[in-house]
């Protein structure tokens, strides 16, 4: 796939999401019900990763089902694994409560862009047996003409897309509208009122300069634009590092061990918030992919940012919602084999090894 991601001036422009509805008890159409809604996701996509993490954190794995697209993105967009009625794949009986296969270190040898391994390369479309995510978009809006992005929050009752903007999907899932039907889970609010303004402020510069900053760097098609974007990206990573260093030093005055510190080691307050959730998917991909693939190589997280590195490993190793939704195979295969304009030979680097260091 040699698709251009940059505009004529050589800079990356992100598409604006099209479907922006919500779910609430007072909504005239989209009301909270168990089994009514479905998430379509990619394990490689950081925007979809936010929704997957939130789904687990809020106890919604038996409330909202998921289908996972194949990691390879071709010129027609995302695809599902094929459904054959005469030879039904193993995951046809997939239920909303089913968990994804845990990540393991698979060799890159023998992995092809058209590999079909159910539960490893992706899943079928459990609801309509569609071949392509695009078919879902056209089912919802026959005249749709933009890109077919993930995540998609789908309503099985009206058979339409409720929302395809990840920042809004995670707020829908966090809002508490599904609390009556949710699984037992820690009482967590990712957007507490007393921190909302600070969360929004952090999200605004993290999104533009880090979440999207890695893409603006990696998809730049002129040297001067690349240098401008990569410099700006690391300027804001420095800002995150300074924030986390301050948090650590403050916690050290009231906690007796690092184990105790890590229980409260987040960007804001002493609790996990949406600010952590929205930063994590970018930074967990940083060393394994972005450093080499997007040329964000002024430094690495593990070598140059000790407090970010500790924060990242704490989330990954100490919280199943983060650990179990992070699939390094999908992440590395997708970027290195889908962006042939950047990596024309589609060779996937073996390193770094390991993808994330122990805590």
Protein backbone atom coordinates (compact mmCIF):
# COMPACT_ATOMS: atom_id res chain seq x y z
CA UNK A 1 0.00 0.00 0.00
CA UNK A 2 1.61 3.27 -1.11
CA UNK A 3 -1.17 5.53 0.09
CA UNK A 4 -0.17 9.10 0.92
CA UNK A 5 -0.92 10.29 4.45
CA UNK A 6 0.47 13.79 3.98
CA UNK A 7 -1.14 16.80 2.30
CA UNK A 8 0.45 18.72 -0.56
CA UNK A 9 2.60 20.78 1.83
CA UNK A 10 4.12 17.55 3.20
CA UNK A 11 2.37 17.64 6.59
CA UNK A 12 0.01 15.05 8.10
CA UNK A 13 -3.69 15.95 8.42
CA UNK A 14 -5.98 13.77 10.58
CA UNK A 15 -9.53 13.05 9.46
CA UNK A 16 -12.39 14.40 11.59
CA UNK A 17 -14.78 11.71 12.91
CA UNK A 18 -18.28 11.69 11.41
CA UNK A 19 -20.56 9.89 13.87
CA UNK A 20 -20.96 11.74 17.15
CA UNK A 21 -23.99 10.40 19.04
CA UNK A 22 -24.02 9.35 22.69
CA UNK A 23 -25.78 6.79 24.90
CA UNK A 24 -27.89 7.77 27.88
CA UNK A 25 -31.11 6.87 29.69
CA UNK A 26 -32.68 10.07 28.37
CA UNK A 27 -31.51 9.72 24.77
CA UNK A 28 -34.47 9.26 22.39
CA UNK A 29 -32.76 6.38 20.55
CA UNK A 30 -29.52 5.14 22.15
CA UNK A 31 -30.34 3.91 25.65
CA UNK A 32 -28.07 1.73 27.82
CA UNK A 33 -28.80 -2.00 27.48
CA UNK A 34 -26.68 -5.08 27.99
CA UNK A 35 -25.77 -6.78 24.72
CA UNK A 36 -27.10 -3.97 22.52
CA UNK A 37 -23.78 -2.31 21.61
CA UNK A 38 -20.64 -3.62 19.95
CA UNK A 39 -17.09 -2.29 19.55
CA UNK A 40 -15.17 -2.76 16.33
CA UNK A 41 -11.47 -2.27 17.01
CA UNK A 42 -7.93 -2.77 15.85
CA UNK A 43 -5.37 -3.96 18.40
CA UNK A 44 -2.75 -1.95 16.52
CA UNK A 45 -4.57 1.39 16.56
CA UNK A 46 -3.84 3.62 19.60
CA UNK A 47 -7.24 5.33 19.28
CA UNK A 48 -9.07 1.99 19.44
CA UNK A 49 -6.78 0.90 22.28
CA UNK A 50 -8.25 3.65 24.47
CA UNK A 51 -11.73 2.18 24.06
CA UNK A 52 -10.54 -1.36 24.76
CA UNK A 53 -8.84 -0.32 28.00
CA UNK A 54 -11.92 1.62 29.16
CA UNK A 55 -14.20 -1.33 28.38
CA UNK A 56 -12.14 -3.50 30.76
CA UNK A 57 -11.68 -0.85 33.45
CA UNK A 58 -15.45 -0.22 33.64
CA UNK A 59 -16.46 -3.89 33.79
CA UNK A 60 -18.11 -3.94 30.37
CA UNK A 61 -16.58 -7.07 28.84
CA UNK A 62 -19.89 -8.95 29.19
CA UNK A 63 -21.96 -5.90 28.26
CA UNK A 64 -20.33 -4.70 25.02
CA UNK A 65 -18.92 -7.22 22.55
CA UNK A 66 -15.88 -6.76 20.33
CA UNK A 67 -14.73 -7.74 16.87
CA UNK A 68 -11.07 -7.26 15.94
CA UNK A 69 -9.93 -6.38 12.43
CA UNK A 70 -6.85 -7.96 10.83
CA UNK A 71 -3.66 -6.09 11.68
CA UNK A 72 -2.83 -5.43 8.02
CA UNK A 73 -4.37 -2.28 6.56
CA UNK A 74 -4.51 -2.35 2.76
CA UNK A 75 -5.76 0.05 0.10
CA UNK A 76 -9.38 -0.93 0.85
CA UNK A 77 -9.03 -0.31 4.59
CA UNK A 78 -9.49 -2.67 7.53
CA UNK A 79 -10.74 -6.22 6.96
CA UNK A 80 -12.09 -9.04 9.09
CA UNK A 81 -11.05 -12.66 8.96
CA UNK A 82 -13.25 -14.61 6.54
CA UNK A 83 -16.39 -16.39 7.66
CA UNK A 84 -17.18 -19.64 5.88
CA UNK A 85 -20.51 -21.20 6.77
CA UNK A 86 -19.31 -24.62 5.60
CA UNK A 87 -16.16 -24.45 7.71
CA UNK A 88 -16.92 -22.26 10.69
CA UNK A 89 -13.86 -20.72 12.37
CA UNK A 90 -13.18 -21.35 16.03
CA UNK A 91 -14.22 -17.91 17.20
CA UNK A 92 -17.76 -17.91 15.74
CA UNK A 93 -19.00 -18.65 19.26
CA UNK A 94 -17.18 -15.54 20.53
CA UNK A 95 -19.20 -13.86 23.28
CA UNK A 96 -18.98 -10.34 24.67
CA UNK A 97 -17.27 -11.67 27.78
CA UNK A 98 -14.53 -13.46 25.85
CA UNK A 99 -11.06 -12.02 26.32
CA UNK A 100 -8.48 -11.54 23.60
CA UNK A 101 -5.65 -14.01 23.34
CA UNK A 102 -2.78 -12.73 25.48
CA UNK A 103 0.28 -11.37 23.72
CA UNK A 104 3.19 -13.71 23.16
CA UNK A 105 6.47 -13.24 21.38
CA UNK A 106 5.73 -14.77 17.98
CA UNK A 107 8.45 -14.89 15.37
CA UNK A 108 8.07 -12.57 12.41
CA UNK A 109 9.18 -15.37 10.09
CA UNK A 110 6.34 -16.87 8.10
CA UNK A 111 3.88 -14.10 9.00
CA UNK A 112 2.23 -12.85 5.82
CA UNK A 113 -0.03 -9.87 5.29
CA UNK A 114 -2.79 -12.28 4.31
CA UNK A 115 -2.27 -14.68 7.25
CA UNK A 116 -5.54 -16.13 8.55
CA UNK A 117 -5.20 -17.34 12.14
CA UNK A 118 -8.43 -16.94 14.08
CA UNK A 119 -7.89 -15.25 17.42
CA UNK A 120 -4.31 -14.34 16.45
CA UNK A 121 -4.57 -12.18 13.33
CA UNK A 122 -8.05 -10.94 14.22
CA UNK A 123 -11.64 -12.17 14.36
CA UNK A 124 -14.59 -12.48 12.05
CA UNK A 125 -17.31 -9.83 12.05
CA UNK A 126 -19.52 -11.60 14.56
CA UNK A 127 -22.69 -9.72 13.70
CA UNK A 128 -22.97 -9.58 9.90
CA UNK A 129 -20.04 -11.69 8.67
CA UNK A 130 -18.83 -8.71 6.65
CA UNK A 131 -15.46 -8.94 4.94
CA UNK A 132 -14.61 -5.27 5.38
CA UNK A 133 -15.12 -2.55 7.97
CA UNK A 134 -16.24 -0.33 5.09
CA UNK A 135 -19.39 -2.46 4.75
CA UNK A 136 -20.33 -1.50 8.28
CA UNK A 137 -19.96 2.18 7.42
CA UNK A 138 -22.12 1.81 4.31
CA UNK A 139 -24.75 -0.13 6.25
CA UNK A 140 -24.99 2.84 8.59
CA UNK A 141 -24.61 5.55 5.94
CA UNK A 142 -24.93 4.46 2.27
CA UNK A 143 -23.44 7.75 1.02
CA UNK A 144 -20.40 7.67 3.34
CA UNK A 145 -17.28 8.85 1.49
CA UNK A 146 -14.49 9.30 4.08
CA UNK A 147 -11.99 6.80 5.55
CA UNK A 148 -13.18 3.77 7.51
CA UNK A 149 -11.64 4.29 10.93
CA UNK A 150 -11.65 2.42 14.25
CA UNK A 151 -12.93 2.33 16.90
CA UNK A 152 -16.58 2.05 15.96
CA UNK A 153 -19.29 1.90 18.62
CA UNK A 154 -22.18 0.09 16.92
CA UNK A 155 -25.85 -0.26 17.88
CA UNK A 156 -27.18 -3.73 17.06
CA UNK A 157 -30.80 -2.63 17.55
CA UNK A 158 -30.87 0.21 15.00
CA UNK A 159 -27.92 -1.25 13.04
CA UNK A 160 -26.11 2.07 12.89
CA UNK A 161 -22.86 3.61 14.08
CA UNK A 162 -23.38 5.50 17.33
CA UNK A 163 -19.93 7.05 17.46
CA UNK A 164 -16.52 6.67 15.82
CA UNK A 165 -14.63 9.31 17.80
CA UNK A 166 -12.45 7.55 20.38
CA UNK A 167 -12.34 10.44 22.86
CA UNK A 168 -16.15 10.48 22.98
CA UNK A 169 -16.49 6.69 23.10
CA UNK A 170 -14.32 6.44 26.22
CA UNK A 171 -16.43 9.13 27.90
CA UNK A 172 -19.61 7.25 27.01
CA UNK A 173 -18.17 4.06 28.53
CA UNK A 174 -16.91 5.93 31.60
CA UNK A 175 -20.12 7.90 32.16
CA UNK A 176 -21.78 5.24 34.33
CA UNK A 177 -24.73 4.64 32.00
CA UNK A 178 -23.97 0.91 32.03
CA UNK A 179 -23.30 0.62 35.76
CA UNK A 180 -26.50 -1.34 36.46
CA UNK A 181 -25.49 -4.11 34.02
CA UNK A 182 -21.68 -3.92 34.35
CA UNK A 183 -19.51 -6.70 35.76
CA UNK A 184 -18.06 -6.25 39.25
CA UNK A 185 -15.13 -3.87 38.89
CA UNK A 186 -13.19 -1.31 40.93
CA UNK A 187 -15.19 1.84 41.48
CA UNK A 188 -13.25 4.04 39.08
CA UNK A 189 -14.17 7.33 37.47
CA UNK A 190 -11.70 8.37 34.80
CA UNK A 191 -13.12 11.90 34.70
CA UNK A 192 -13.73 13.06 38.30
CA UNK A 193 -15.37 16.48 38.42
CA UNK A 194 -12.67 18.00 40.60
CA UNK A 195 -9.99 17.09 38.02
CA UNK A 196 -11.97 17.55 34.80
CA UNK A 197 -10.55 20.95 33.83
CA UNK A 198 -6.97 19.75 34.43
CA UNK A 199 -7.63 16.55 32.47
CA UNK A 200 -9.05 18.51 29.54
CA UNK A 201 -6.05 20.84 29.57
CA UNK A 202 -3.54 17.96 29.56
CA UNK A 203 -5.51 16.08 26.91
CA UNK A 204 -5.44 19.08 24.58
CA UNK A 205 -1.66 19.38 24.35
CA UNK A 206 -0.99 15.64 24.67
CA UNK A 207 -3.31 14.94 21.74
CA UNK A 208 -1.88 17.54 19.38
CA UNK A 209 1.79 17.19 20.28
CA UNK A 210 2.23 13.55 21.36
CA UNK A 211 -0.72 11.33 20.32
CA UNK A 212 -0.90 13.00 16.92
CA UNK A 213 2.66 14.28 17.12
CA UNK A 214 4.16 10.87 16.35
CA UNK A 215 2.04 10.70 13.19
CA UNK A 216 2.89 14.26 12.15
CA UNK A 217 6.53 13.29 12.54
CA UNK A 218 6.33 9.90 10.85
CA UNK A 219 4.18 10.93 7.89
CA UNK A 220 6.04 14.19 7.18
CA UNK A 221 7.24 14.20 3.58
CA UNK A 222 9.61 17.16 3.76
CA UNK A 223 12.77 17.34 5.86
CA UNK A 224 11.99 20.69 7.44
CA UNK A 225 8.50 19.56 8.48
CA UNK A 226 9.88 16.34 9.96
CA UNK A 227 12.51 18.24 11.97
CA UNK A 228 9.94 20.72 13.26
CA UNK A 229 7.51 17.97 14.33
CA UNK A 230 10.04 15.64 15.94
CA UNK A 231 11.53 18.53 17.92
CA UNK A 232 8.07 19.55 19.10
CA UNK A 233 7.22 15.96 20.04
CA UNK A 234 10.23 15.60 22.32
CA UNK A 235 9.66 19.03 23.82
CA UNK A 236 6.29 17.76 25.06
CA UNK A 237 7.69 14.41 26.19
CA UNK A 238 10.06 16.50 28.32
CA UNK A 239 6.99 18.23 29.74
CA UNK A 240 5.38 14.90 30.69
CA UNK A 241 8.65 13.74 32.24
CA UNK A 242 8.81 16.88 34.37
CA UNK A 243 5.20 16.37 35.52
CA UNK A 244 5.81 12.76 36.52
CA UNK A 245 9.07 13.58 38.25
CA UNK A 246 7.21 16.15 40.33
CA UNK A 247 4.48 13.63 41.16
CA UNK A 248 7.10 11.03 42.20
CA UNK A 249 9.01 13.45 44.42
CA UNK A 250 5.78 14.56 46.10
CA UNK A 251 4.66 10.97 46.72
CA UNK A 252 8.09 10.08 48.10
CA UNK A 253 7.54 12.45 51.03
CA UNK A 254 4.48 10.53 52.24
CA UNK A 255 5.08 6.93 51.05
CA UNK A 256 7.67 4.59 52.48
CA UNK A 257 8.39 2.33 49.49
CA UNK A 258 8.31 2.46 45.70
CA UNK A 259 5.59 -0.19 45.77
CA UNK A 260 3.40 2.22 47.73
CA UNK A 261 4.34 5.12 45.45
CA UNK A 262 3.30 3.20 42.36
CA UNK A 263 -0.21 2.73 43.72
CA UNK A 264 -0.69 6.49 43.35
CA UNK A 265 1.77 7.26 40.55
CA UNK A 266 -0.43 8.90 37.91
CA UNK A 267 -0.44 12.20 36.04
CA UNK A 268 -3.06 13.84 38.27
CA UNK A 269 -4.13 13.40 41.87
CA UNK A 270 -3.53 9.94 43.31
CA UNK A 271 -5.74 8.06 40.86
CA UNK A 272 -5.85 6.78 37.31
CA UNK A 273 -7.64 9.27 35.07
CA UNK A 274 -8.46 9.80 31.42
CA UNK A 275 -5.20 11.73 31.07
CA UNK A 276 -3.21 8.53 31.77
CA UNK A 277 -5.53 6.48 29.59
CA UNK A 278 -5.07 8.73 26.56
CA UNK A 279 -1.29 8.97 26.87
CA UNK A 280 -0.56 5.26 27.41
CA UNK A 281 -1.42 3.87 23.93
CA UNK A 282 1.05 6.24 22.26
CA UNK A 283 3.89 5.64 24.70
CA UNK A 284 3.55 1.84 24.81
CA UNK A 285 4.12 1.94 21.02
CA UNK A 286 6.98 4.41 21.20
CA UNK A 287 10.07 2.22 21.63
CA UNK A 288 8.77 -0.87 19.75
CA UNK A 289 7.57 1.06 16.66
CA UNK A 290 7.72 4.84 16.54
CA UNK A 291 11.45 5.20 17.26
CA UNK A 292 12.45 3.37 14.08
CA UNK A 293 9.32 3.47 11.90
CA UNK A 294 8.35 7.13 12.43
CA UNK A 295 11.96 8.25 13.05
CA UNK A 296 11.15 9.60 16.54
CA UNK A 297 14.69 8.69 17.50
CA UNK A 298 16.02 11.69 19.40
CA UNK A 299 15.70 9.37 22.40
CA UNK A 300 13.81 6.33 23.65
CA UNK A 301 11.44 6.10 26.58
CA UNK A 302 13.51 3.42 28.31
CA UNK A 303 16.80 5.30 27.97
CA UNK A 304 15.87 8.95 28.16
CA UNK A 305 12.76 9.29 30.33
CA UNK A 306 13.10 7.45 33.67
CA UNK A 307 9.85 8.73 35.20
CA UNK A 308 7.74 8.15 32.06
CA UNK A 309 9.35 4.72 31.81
CA UNK A 310 8.38 3.88 35.41
CA UNK A 311 4.83 5.19 34.88
CA UNK A 312 4.47 3.17 31.65
CA UNK A 313 5.73 -0.10 33.15
CA UNK A 314 3.56 0.41 36.23
CA UNK A 315 0.41 0.60 34.09
CA UNK A 316 1.42 -2.33 31.89
CA UNK A 317 2.57 -4.74 34.58
CA UNK A 318 0.21 -3.80 37.42
CA UNK A 319 -3.12 -3.28 35.65
CA UNK A 320 -4.68 -6.06 33.57
CA UNK A 321 -6.79 -3.55 31.62
CA UNK A 322 -3.59 -2.16 30.13
CA UNK A 323 -1.57 -5.38 29.96
CA UNK A 324 -4.22 -7.62 28.42
CA UNK A 325 -5.24 -5.14 25.71
CA UNK A 326 -1.68 -4.48 24.54
CA UNK A 327 -0.72 -6.75 21.65
CA UNK A 328 2.79 -6.03 20.44
CA UNK A 329 2.45 -8.45 17.52
CA UNK A 330 -0.46 -6.52 16.00
CA UNK A 331 1.22 -3.20 16.76
CA UNK A 332 4.52 -4.07 15.08
CA UNK A 333 3.06 -5.98 12.12
CA UNK A 334 0.50 -3.29 11.36
CA UNK A 335 2.83 -0.31 11.21
CA UNK A 336 5.75 -1.98 9.48
CA UNK A 337 3.69 -3.86 6.89
CA UNK A 338 0.84 -1.44 6.19
CA UNK A 339 2.84 1.77 5.61
CA UNK A 340 4.76 0.74 2.51
CA UNK A 341 5.40 4.34 1.58
CA UNK A 342 7.54 4.52 4.73
CA UNK A 343 8.75 0.90 4.80
CA UNK A 344 8.53 -0.38 1.19
CA UNK A 345 10.06 -3.81 1.91
CA UNK A 346 7.67 -4.47 4.84
CA UNK A 347 10.43 -5.91 7.01
CA UNK A 348 9.50 -5.94 10.70
CA UNK A 349 12.41 -5.28 13.08
CA UNK A 350 12.91 -7.86 15.84
CA UNK A 351 13.79 -5.27 18.47
CA UNK A 352 13.65 -3.81 20.91
CA UNK A 353 14.00 -6.89 23.05
CA UNK A 354 11.96 -7.12 25.14
CA UNK A 355 9.23 -4.82 23.85
CA UNK A 356 8.75 -3.54 27.39
CA UNK A 357 11.14 -4.02 30.28
CA UNK A 358 10.16 -5.64 33.59
CA UNK A 359 9.09 -3.40 36.44
